[in-house]
């Protein structure tokens, strides 16, 4: 019985990167970005891209409006980062609520628990700071939408009003 070698993450990643980078800022939906890779190869390839290729190419790799893009477009990267940070915040909030919030008072004197609680508090404070500064998935999305409308109008030689920015 012949065995096949599992495709290396960098092979999948380079394949995905080439396809997505060629699409430009428009990006590709998952099925097109995946190409002939299996779903597992696609996930490993994306991880390799984020761990290595983005630094090598000095270019972001984002998922915006269900399309993967290799881009340094500020609004697209800001939207992706805002969405991902909000998702991570929600995950930390769930960990806090299900594992730390209801511990008995005497457990909260345990050094490990104190470190975990402090870490959660720091993450909550950082997200509050970002939201107060106007960074949220919604604000970034509105800025990205405004930016694409402005570039469309500019391409047609029309003036645009207003500016996309942080709230």
N, C-alpha and C. Protein backbone atom coordinates (compact mmCIF):
# COMPACT_ATOMS: atom_id res chain seq x y z
N UNK A 1 0.84 -1.17 0.00
CA UNK A 1 0.00 0.00 0.00
C UNK A 1 0.89 1.24 0.00
N UNK A 2 0.65 2.11 -0.94
CA UNK A 2 1.44 3.33 -1.05
C UNK A 2 0.93 4.38 -0.07
N UNK A 3 1.85 5.11 0.49
CA UNK A 3 1.44 6.20 1.38
C UNK A 3 1.79 7.52 0.70
N UNK A 4 1.01 8.51 1.00
CA UNK A 4 1.29 9.82 0.43
C UNK A 4 1.74 10.75 1.55
N UNK A 5 2.68 11.61 1.18
CA UNK A 5 3.19 12.58 2.13
C UNK A 5 2.18 13.72 2.25
N UNK A 6 1.95 14.14 3.48
CA UNK A 6 1.07 15.28 3.71
C UNK A 6 1.72 16.53 3.12
N UNK A 7 0.93 17.33 2.42
CA UNK A 7 1.45 18.55 1.81
C UNK A 7 1.92 19.51 2.88
N UNK A 8 3.13 20.01 2.72
CA UNK A 8 3.70 20.95 3.70
C UNK A 8 2.90 22.24 3.71
N UNK A 9 2.82 22.85 4.88
CA UNK A 9 2.07 24.10 5.04
C UNK A 9 2.58 25.19 4.11
N UNK A 10 3.91 25.25 3.92
CA UNK A 10 4.43 26.31 3.05
C UNK A 10 4.05 26.08 1.59
N UNK A 11 3.90 24.82 1.18
CA UNK A 11 3.46 24.54 -0.19
C UNK A 11 2.03 25.03 -0.39
N UNK A 12 1.16 24.69 0.56
CA UNK A 12 -0.22 25.16 0.48
C UNK A 12 -0.26 26.68 0.57
N UNK A 13 0.52 27.23 1.50
CA UNK A 13 0.53 28.67 1.70
C UNK A 13 0.99 29.44 0.47
N UNK A 14 2.05 28.97 -0.17
CA UNK A 14 2.54 29.66 -1.37
C UNK A 14 1.52 29.57 -2.49
N UNK A 15 0.87 28.42 -2.62
CA UNK A 15 -0.17 28.25 -3.63
C UNK A 15 -1.32 29.23 -3.39
N UNK A 16 -1.78 29.31 -2.16
CA UNK A 16 -2.87 30.22 -1.80
C UNK A 16 -2.43 31.67 -2.00
N UNK A 17 -1.24 32.00 -1.50
CA UNK A 17 -0.74 33.37 -1.61
C UNK A 17 -0.70 33.83 -3.07
N UNK A 18 -0.14 33.00 -3.94
CA UNK A 18 -0.03 33.39 -5.35
C UNK A 18 -1.39 33.69 -5.95
N UNK A 19 -2.35 32.85 -5.66
CA UNK A 19 -3.70 33.02 -6.20
C UNK A 19 -4.35 34.29 -5.66
N UNK A 20 -4.28 34.48 -4.34
CA UNK A 20 -4.93 35.62 -3.70
C UNK A 20 -4.22 36.93 -4.08
N UNK A 21 -2.90 36.94 -4.09
CA UNK A 21 -2.15 38.15 -4.44
C UNK A 21 -2.46 38.60 -5.86
N UNK A 22 -2.63 37.65 -6.76
CA UNK A 22 -2.95 37.99 -8.15
C UNK A 22 -4.31 38.68 -8.26
N UNK A 23 -5.23 38.39 -7.34
CA UNK A 23 -6.57 38.99 -7.38
C UNK A 23 -6.56 40.44 -6.92
N UNK A 24 -5.50 40.89 -6.27
CA UNK A 24 -5.43 42.27 -5.80
C UNK A 24 -6.37 42.54 -4.65
N UNK A 25 -6.73 43.81 -4.47
CA UNK A 25 -7.57 44.21 -3.34
C UNK A 25 -8.99 43.66 -3.43
N UNK A 26 -9.43 43.26 -4.59
CA UNK A 26 -10.76 42.66 -4.74
C UNK A 26 -10.81 41.35 -3.97
N UNK A 27 -9.72 40.63 -3.97
CA UNK A 27 -9.63 39.37 -3.23
C UNK A 27 -10.40 38.25 -3.88
N UNK A 28 -10.44 37.12 -3.19
CA UNK A 28 -11.12 35.93 -3.68
C UNK A 28 -11.98 35.33 -2.58
N UNK A 29 -13.16 34.80 -2.95
CA UNK A 29 -13.94 34.07 -1.96
C UNK A 29 -13.20 32.79 -1.58
N UNK A 30 -13.56 32.20 -0.46
CA UNK A 30 -12.88 31.02 0.08
C UNK A 30 -12.64 29.93 -0.96
N UNK A 31 -13.68 29.58 -1.70
CA UNK A 31 -13.57 28.47 -2.65
C UNK A 31 -12.50 28.73 -3.70
N UNK A 32 -12.43 29.97 -4.18
CA UNK A 32 -11.42 30.31 -5.19
C UNK A 32 -10.04 30.43 -4.55
N UNK A 33 -9.96 30.99 -3.37
CA UNK A 33 -8.67 31.12 -2.69
C UNK A 33 -8.10 29.75 -2.36
N UNK A 34 -8.97 28.80 -2.04
CA UNK A 34 -8.55 27.46 -1.65
C UNK A 34 -7.92 26.71 -2.82
N UNK A 35 -8.42 26.92 -4.02
CA UNK A 35 -7.90 26.19 -5.18
C UNK A 35 -8.11 24.70 -5.02
N UNK A 36 -7.06 23.92 -5.24
CA UNK A 36 -7.15 22.46 -5.15
C UNK A 36 -6.80 21.93 -3.76
N UNK A 37 -6.52 22.82 -2.83
CA UNK A 37 -6.19 22.41 -1.47
C UNK A 37 -7.43 21.87 -0.77
N UNK A 38 -7.22 20.95 0.14
CA UNK A 38 -8.32 20.47 0.98
C UNK A 38 -8.60 21.55 2.02
N UNK A 39 -9.74 21.48 2.70
CA UNK A 39 -9.99 22.47 3.76
C UNK A 39 -8.88 22.50 4.83
N UNK A 40 -8.36 21.33 5.20
CA UNK A 40 -7.28 21.29 6.20
C UNK A 40 -6.01 21.93 5.65
N UNK A 41 -5.67 21.66 4.39
CA UNK A 41 -4.50 22.28 3.78
C UNK A 41 -4.67 23.79 3.69
N UNK A 42 -5.89 24.22 3.41
CA UNK A 42 -6.18 25.65 3.33
C UNK A 42 -5.94 26.32 4.68
N UNK A 43 -6.41 25.70 5.75
CA UNK A 43 -6.21 26.27 7.10
C UNK A 43 -4.73 26.32 7.46
N UNK A 44 -4.00 25.23 7.18
CA UNK A 44 -2.56 25.22 7.46
C UNK A 44 -1.82 26.24 6.59
N UNK A 45 -2.24 26.35 5.35
CA UNK A 45 -1.62 27.31 4.44
C UNK A 45 -1.84 28.74 4.90
N UNK A 46 -3.06 29.05 5.34
CA UNK A 46 -3.35 30.40 5.85
C UNK A 46 -2.50 30.70 7.08
N UNK A 47 -2.35 29.72 7.96
CA UNK A 47 -1.52 29.92 9.15
C UNK A 47 -0.07 30.20 8.74
N UNK A 48 0.44 29.45 7.77
CA UNK A 48 1.81 29.68 7.30
C UNK A 48 1.94 31.08 6.71
N UNK A 49 0.94 31.50 5.93
CA UNK A 49 0.98 32.84 5.34
C UNK A 49 1.08 33.89 6.44
N UNK A 50 0.22 33.77 7.45
CA UNK A 50 0.20 34.77 8.52
C UNK A 50 1.46 34.72 9.39
N UNK A 51 2.01 33.52 9.56
CA UNK A 51 3.21 33.37 10.39
C UNK A 51 4.49 33.78 9.66
N UNK A 52 4.53 33.60 8.33
CA UNK A 52 5.78 33.80 7.60
C UNK A 52 5.67 34.73 6.39
N UNK A 53 4.74 34.45 5.51
CA UNK A 53 4.69 35.14 4.23
C UNK A 53 4.39 36.64 4.37
N UNK A 54 3.52 37.01 5.28
CA UNK A 54 3.20 38.44 5.45
C UNK A 54 4.46 39.23 5.80
N UNK A 55 5.28 38.69 6.68
CA UNK A 55 6.53 39.37 7.04
C UNK A 55 7.51 39.34 5.86
N UNK A 56 7.59 38.21 5.16
CA UNK A 56 8.50 38.11 4.02
C UNK A 56 8.14 39.10 2.92
N UNK A 57 6.85 39.22 2.64
CA UNK A 57 6.38 40.07 1.54
C UNK A 57 6.02 41.48 2.01
N UNK A 58 6.02 41.68 3.32
CA UNK A 58 5.63 42.98 3.90
C UNK A 58 4.26 43.41 3.39
N UNK A 59 3.34 42.44 3.41
CA UNK A 59 1.98 42.65 2.91
C UNK A 59 1.01 41.93 3.82
N UNK A 60 -0.13 42.54 4.08
CA UNK A 60 -1.16 41.92 4.90
C UNK A 60 -1.90 40.82 4.15
N UNK A 61 -2.50 39.92 4.91
CA UNK A 61 -3.36 38.86 4.36
C UNK A 61 -4.63 38.91 5.19
N UNK A 62 -5.71 39.38 4.58
CA UNK A 62 -6.93 39.66 5.33
C UNK A 62 -8.15 38.98 4.72
N UNK A 63 -9.16 38.82 5.55
CA UNK A 63 -10.47 38.35 5.12
C UNK A 63 -11.43 39.50 5.36
N UNK A 64 -11.91 40.10 4.27
CA UNK A 64 -12.81 41.25 4.35
C UNK A 64 -13.99 40.99 3.42
N UNK A 65 -15.19 41.11 3.97
CA UNK A 65 -16.42 40.90 3.20
C UNK A 65 -16.38 39.55 2.47
N UNK A 66 -15.97 38.51 3.19
CA UNK A 66 -15.92 37.13 2.69
C UNK A 66 -14.93 36.93 1.54
N UNK A 67 -13.96 37.82 1.40
CA UNK A 67 -12.93 37.67 0.38
C UNK A 67 -11.55 37.77 1.03
N UNK A 68 -10.67 36.84 0.66
CA UNK A 68 -9.28 36.89 1.11
C UNK A 68 -8.51 37.81 0.18
N UNK A 69 -7.67 38.67 0.76
CA UNK A 69 -6.86 39.59 -0.03
C UNK A 69 -5.46 39.71 0.57
N UNK A 70 -4.48 39.80 -0.32
CA UNK A 70 -3.10 40.12 0.07
C UNK A 70 -2.95 41.60 -0.25
N UNK A 71 -2.91 42.44 0.78
CA UNK A 71 -3.00 43.88 0.54
C UNK A 71 -2.37 44.69 1.65
N UNK A 72 -1.98 45.89 1.31
CA UNK A 72 -1.58 46.88 2.31
C UNK A 72 -2.57 48.03 2.36
N UNK A 73 -3.77 47.81 1.83
CA UNK A 73 -4.84 48.80 1.89
C UNK A 73 -5.16 49.04 3.37
N UNK A 74 -4.96 50.27 3.81
CA UNK A 74 -5.10 50.60 5.23
C UNK A 74 -6.50 50.29 5.75
N UNK A 75 -7.53 50.68 5.01
CA UNK A 75 -8.90 50.46 5.48
C UNK A 75 -9.23 48.97 5.58
N UNK A 76 -8.76 48.18 4.61
CA UNK A 76 -9.02 46.74 4.65
C UNK A 76 -8.32 46.10 5.84
N UNK A 77 -7.06 46.48 6.06
CA UNK A 77 -6.31 45.91 7.18
C UNK A 77 -6.90 46.35 8.52
N UNK A 78 -7.35 47.60 8.59
CA UNK A 78 -7.96 48.11 9.82
C UNK A 78 -9.27 47.37 10.11
N UNK A 79 -10.07 47.14 9.08
CA UNK A 79 -11.33 46.42 9.27
C UNK A 79 -11.06 45.00 9.74
N UNK A 80 -10.12 44.31 9.08
CA UNK A 80 -9.79 42.94 9.47
C UNK A 80 -9.29 42.89 10.92
N UNK A 81 -8.36 43.78 11.27
CA UNK A 81 -7.82 43.79 12.63
C UNK A 81 -8.90 44.08 13.65
N UNK A 82 -9.78 45.02 13.36
CA UNK A 82 -10.87 45.36 14.28
C UNK A 82 -11.80 44.18 14.51
N UNK A 83 -12.15 43.51 13.43
CA UNK A 83 -13.04 42.34 13.53
C UNK A 83 -12.37 41.23 14.33
N UNK A 84 -11.11 40.94 14.03
CA UNK A 84 -10.39 39.86 14.72
C UNK A 84 -10.19 40.18 16.20
N UNK A 85 -9.83 41.43 16.51
CA UNK A 85 -9.64 41.80 17.91
C UNK A 85 -10.96 41.71 18.67
N UNK A 86 -12.05 42.11 18.04
CA UNK A 86 -13.35 41.99 18.70
C UNK A 86 -13.69 40.52 18.95
N UNK A 87 -13.38 39.66 17.99
CA UNK A 87 -13.62 38.23 18.14
C UNK A 87 -12.78 37.66 19.30
N UNK A 88 -11.52 38.06 19.37
CA UNK A 88 -10.66 37.60 20.46
C UNK A 88 -11.17 38.11 21.80
N UNK A 89 -11.63 39.36 21.82
CA UNK A 89 -12.21 39.93 23.04
C UNK A 89 -13.40 39.09 23.50
N UNK A 90 -14.29 38.73 22.57
CA UNK A 90 -15.46 37.92 22.92
C UNK A 90 -15.02 36.56 23.46
N UNK A 91 -13.98 35.98 22.89
CA UNK A 91 -13.46 34.69 23.38
C UNK A 91 -12.93 34.82 24.80
N UNK A 92 -12.17 35.88 25.06
CA UNK A 92 -11.63 36.10 26.41
C UNK A 92 -12.78 36.34 27.39
N UNK A 93 -13.78 37.09 26.96
CA UNK A 93 -14.93 37.35 27.81
C UNK A 93 -15.64 36.04 28.18
N UNK A 94 -15.75 35.13 27.23
CA UNK A 94 -16.38 33.83 27.51
C UNK A 94 -15.52 33.00 28.47
N UNK A 95 -14.21 33.02 28.27
CA UNK A 95 -13.31 32.29 29.18
C UNK A 95 -13.47 32.85 30.59
N UNK A 96 -13.49 34.16 30.70
CA UNK A 96 -13.65 34.79 32.01
C UNK A 96 -14.97 34.36 32.65
N UNK A 97 -16.06 34.46 31.90
CA UNK A 97 -17.38 34.14 32.46
C UNK A 97 -17.53 32.67 32.84
N UNK A 98 -16.95 31.77 32.05
CA UNK A 98 -17.18 30.35 32.32
C UNK A 98 -16.14 29.72 33.23
N UNK A 99 -14.96 30.34 33.37
CA UNK A 99 -13.90 29.69 34.14
C UNK A 99 -13.38 30.50 35.33
N UNK A 100 -13.53 31.81 35.30
CA UNK A 100 -12.90 32.62 36.35
C UNK A 100 -13.88 33.42 37.20
N UNK A 101 -14.93 33.92 36.60
CA UNK A 101 -15.83 34.85 37.30
C UNK A 101 -16.51 34.24 38.52
N UNK A 102 -16.79 32.97 38.50
CA UNK A 102 -17.57 32.34 39.56
C UNK A 102 -16.75 31.52 40.55
N UNK A 103 -15.45 31.72 40.54
CA UNK A 103 -14.61 30.99 41.49
C UNK A 103 -14.88 31.48 42.90
N UNK A 104 -14.73 30.60 43.89
CA UNK A 104 -14.91 31.05 45.27
C UNK A 104 -13.85 32.09 45.64
N UNK A 105 -14.17 32.91 46.61
CA UNK A 105 -13.29 34.01 47.02
C UNK A 105 -11.88 33.53 47.38
N UNK A 106 -11.77 32.38 48.05
CA UNK A 106 -10.44 31.90 48.46
C UNK A 106 -9.58 31.50 47.25
N UNK A 107 -10.20 31.11 46.14
CA UNK A 107 -9.43 30.74 44.94
C UNK A 107 -8.78 31.97 44.32
N UNK A 108 -9.37 33.13 44.54
CA UNK A 108 -8.84 34.35 43.92
C UNK A 108 -7.55 34.83 44.58
N UNK A 109 -7.13 34.19 45.66
CA UNK A 109 -5.85 34.51 46.27
C UNK A 109 -4.72 33.64 45.70
N UNK A 110 -5.08 32.66 44.89
CA UNK A 110 -4.10 31.81 44.21
C UNK A 110 -3.36 32.66 43.17
N UNK A 111 -2.04 32.61 43.16
CA UNK A 111 -1.24 33.45 42.27
C UNK A 111 -1.59 33.23 40.80
N UNK A 112 -1.78 31.99 40.40
CA UNK A 112 -2.12 31.71 39.00
C UNK A 112 -3.46 32.33 38.62
N UNK A 113 -4.43 32.24 39.51
CA UNK A 113 -5.75 32.83 39.26
C UNK A 113 -5.63 34.36 39.20
N UNK A 114 -4.81 34.92 40.08
CA UNK A 114 -4.61 36.37 40.07
C UNK A 114 -4.02 36.83 38.73
N UNK A 115 -3.07 36.08 38.22
CA UNK A 115 -2.45 36.42 36.93
C UNK A 115 -3.48 36.31 35.80
N UNK A 116 -4.28 35.26 35.83
CA UNK A 116 -5.31 35.09 34.80
C UNK A 116 -6.35 36.22 34.86
N UNK A 117 -6.78 36.57 36.05
CA UNK A 117 -7.75 37.66 36.20
C UNK A 117 -7.16 38.99 35.74
N UNK A 118 -5.90 39.25 36.08
CA UNK A 118 -5.24 40.48 35.67
C UNK A 118 -5.12 40.53 34.15
N UNK A 119 -4.79 39.41 33.55
CA UNK A 119 -4.67 39.36 32.09
C UNK A 119 -6.02 39.66 31.43
N UNK A 120 -7.08 39.06 31.93
CA UNK A 120 -8.42 39.35 31.40
C UNK A 120 -8.76 40.82 31.57
N UNK A 121 -8.50 41.37 32.75
CA UNK A 121 -8.78 42.79 32.99
C UNK A 121 -8.00 43.68 32.02
N UNK A 122 -6.74 43.33 31.76
CA UNK A 122 -5.93 44.12 30.84
C UNK A 122 -6.50 44.07 29.42
N UNK A 123 -6.95 42.91 29.00
CA UNK A 123 -7.56 42.78 27.67
C UNK A 123 -8.84 43.59 27.59
N UNK A 124 -9.67 43.51 28.62
CA UNK A 124 -10.92 44.29 28.64
C UNK A 124 -10.61 45.79 28.58
N UNK A 125 -9.60 46.23 29.32
CA UNK A 125 -9.23 47.65 29.33
C UNK A 125 -8.70 48.09 27.96
N UNK A 126 -7.91 47.23 27.32
CA UNK A 126 -7.38 47.56 26.00
C UNK A 126 -8.50 47.69 24.97
N UNK A 127 -9.48 46.80 25.03
CA UNK A 127 -10.60 46.89 24.09
C UNK A 127 -11.45 48.13 24.37
N UNK A 128 -11.62 48.47 25.63
CA UNK A 128 -12.38 49.67 25.97
C UNK A 128 -11.67 50.90 25.41
N UNK A 129 -10.35 50.92 25.54
CA UNK A 129 -9.55 52.02 25.01
C UNK A 129 -9.72 52.14 23.50
N UNK A 130 -9.65 51.01 22.79
CA UNK A 130 -9.81 51.03 21.33
C UNK A 130 -11.19 51.54 20.93
N UNK A 131 -12.22 51.06 21.62
CA UNK A 131 -13.58 51.49 21.30
C UNK A 131 -13.77 52.98 21.58
N UNK A 132 -13.22 53.46 22.69
CA UNK A 132 -13.33 54.88 23.01
C UNK A 132 -12.56 55.75 22.02
N UNK A 133 -11.51 55.19 21.43
CA UNK A 133 -10.73 55.92 20.42
C UNK A 133 -11.39 55.85 19.05
N UNK A 134 -12.48 55.10 18.95
CA UNK A 134 -13.21 55.04 17.69
C UNK A 134 -12.93 53.81 16.85
N UNK A 135 -12.14 52.90 17.38
CA UNK A 135 -11.86 51.68 16.63
C UNK A 135 -12.86 50.61 17.02
N UNK A 136 -13.64 50.20 16.05
CA UNK A 136 -14.55 49.08 16.21
C UNK A 136 -14.73 48.49 14.84
N UNK A 137 -15.25 47.29 14.77
CA UNK A 137 -15.51 46.67 13.48
C UNK A 137 -16.46 47.54 12.67
N UNK A 138 -17.46 48.11 13.34
CA UNK A 138 -18.44 48.95 12.65
C UNK A 138 -17.78 50.21 12.08
N UNK A 139 -16.99 50.90 12.90
CA UNK A 139 -16.34 52.13 12.43
C UNK A 139 -15.36 51.83 11.31
N UNK A 140 -14.60 50.74 11.43
CA UNK A 140 -13.65 50.39 10.38
C UNK A 140 -14.38 50.03 9.09
N UNK A 141 -15.51 49.32 9.22
CA UNK A 141 -16.30 48.97 8.05
C UNK A 141 -16.85 50.19 7.35
N UNK A 142 -17.32 51.15 8.13
CA UNK A 142 -17.84 52.40 7.55
C UNK A 142 -16.71 53.17 6.86
N UNK A 143 -15.53 53.17 7.45
CA UNK A 143 -14.39 53.85 6.83
C UNK A 143 -14.01 53.16 5.53
N UNK A 144 -14.00 51.83 5.52
CA UNK A 144 -13.66 51.09 4.31
C UNK A 144 -14.71 51.33 3.23
N UNK A 145 -15.97 51.36 3.61
CA UNK A 145 -17.04 51.61 2.65
C UNK A 145 -16.90 53.01 2.07
N UNK A 146 -16.64 53.98 2.91
CA UNK A 146 -16.46 55.36 2.45
C UNK A 146 -15.26 55.49 1.54
N UNK A 147 -14.21 54.74 1.83
CA UNK A 147 -13.00 54.79 1.02
C UNK A 147 -13.25 54.22 -0.36
N UNK A 148 -14.00 53.12 -0.45
CA UNK A 148 -14.25 52.53 -1.77
C UNK A 148 -15.18 53.42 -2.58
N UNK A 149 -16.12 54.10 -1.92
CA UNK A 149 -17.00 55.03 -2.63
C UNK A 149 -16.18 56.22 -3.13
N UNK A 150 -15.25 56.70 -2.32
CA UNK A 150 -14.42 57.83 -2.71
C UNK A 150 -13.55 57.46 -3.90
N UNK A 151 -12.96 56.26 -3.89
CA UNK A 151 -12.08 55.88 -4.99
C UNK A 151 -12.88 55.67 -6.27
N UNK A 152 -14.11 55.18 -6.17
CA UNK A 152 -14.96 55.02 -7.34
C UNK A 152 -15.31 56.38 -7.92
N UNK A 153 -15.67 57.32 -7.05
CA UNK A 153 -16.00 58.66 -7.51
C UNK A 153 -14.78 59.34 -8.13
N UNK A 154 -13.62 59.16 -7.53
CA UNK A 154 -12.40 59.76 -8.05
C UNK A 154 -12.07 59.21 -9.43
N UNK A 155 -12.27 57.91 -9.59
CA UNK A 155 -11.98 57.29 -10.87
C UNK A 155 -12.89 57.83 -11.96
N UNK A 156 -14.09 58.27 -11.58
CA UNK A 156 -15.04 58.82 -12.55
C UNK A 156 -14.90 60.33 -12.67
N UNK A 157 -13.92 60.92 -11.97
CA UNK A 157 -13.68 62.34 -12.07
C UNK A 157 -14.63 63.20 -11.26
N UNK A 158 -15.33 62.61 -10.29
CA UNK A 158 -16.27 63.38 -9.48
C UNK A 158 -15.64 63.74 -8.16
N UNK A 159 -16.14 64.79 -7.57
CA UNK A 159 -15.70 65.19 -6.24
C UNK A 159 -16.43 64.34 -5.22
N UNK A 160 -15.78 64.10 -4.09
CA UNK A 160 -16.42 63.37 -3.00
C UNK A 160 -16.56 64.30 -1.82
N UNK A 161 -17.57 64.04 -1.04
CA UNK A 161 -17.77 64.86 0.16
C UNK A 161 -17.50 64.02 1.38
N UNK A 162 -17.05 64.67 2.43
CA UNK A 162 -16.79 63.97 3.69
C UNK A 162 -15.50 63.19 3.61
N UNK A 163 -15.16 62.61 4.74
CA UNK A 163 -13.96 61.78 4.77
C UNK A 163 -14.21 60.61 5.67
N UNK A 164 -13.61 59.50 5.31
CA UNK A 164 -13.73 58.30 6.14
C UNK A 164 -12.71 58.41 7.26
N UNK A 165 -13.13 58.18 8.46
CA UNK A 165 -12.20 58.26 9.57
C UNK A 165 -12.74 57.57 10.79
N UNK A 166 -12.01 57.71 11.87
CA UNK A 166 -12.43 57.08 13.11
C UNK A 166 -13.52 57.90 13.75
N UNK A 167 -14.40 57.21 14.44
CA UNK A 167 -15.44 57.89 15.19
C UNK A 167 -14.96 58.18 16.57
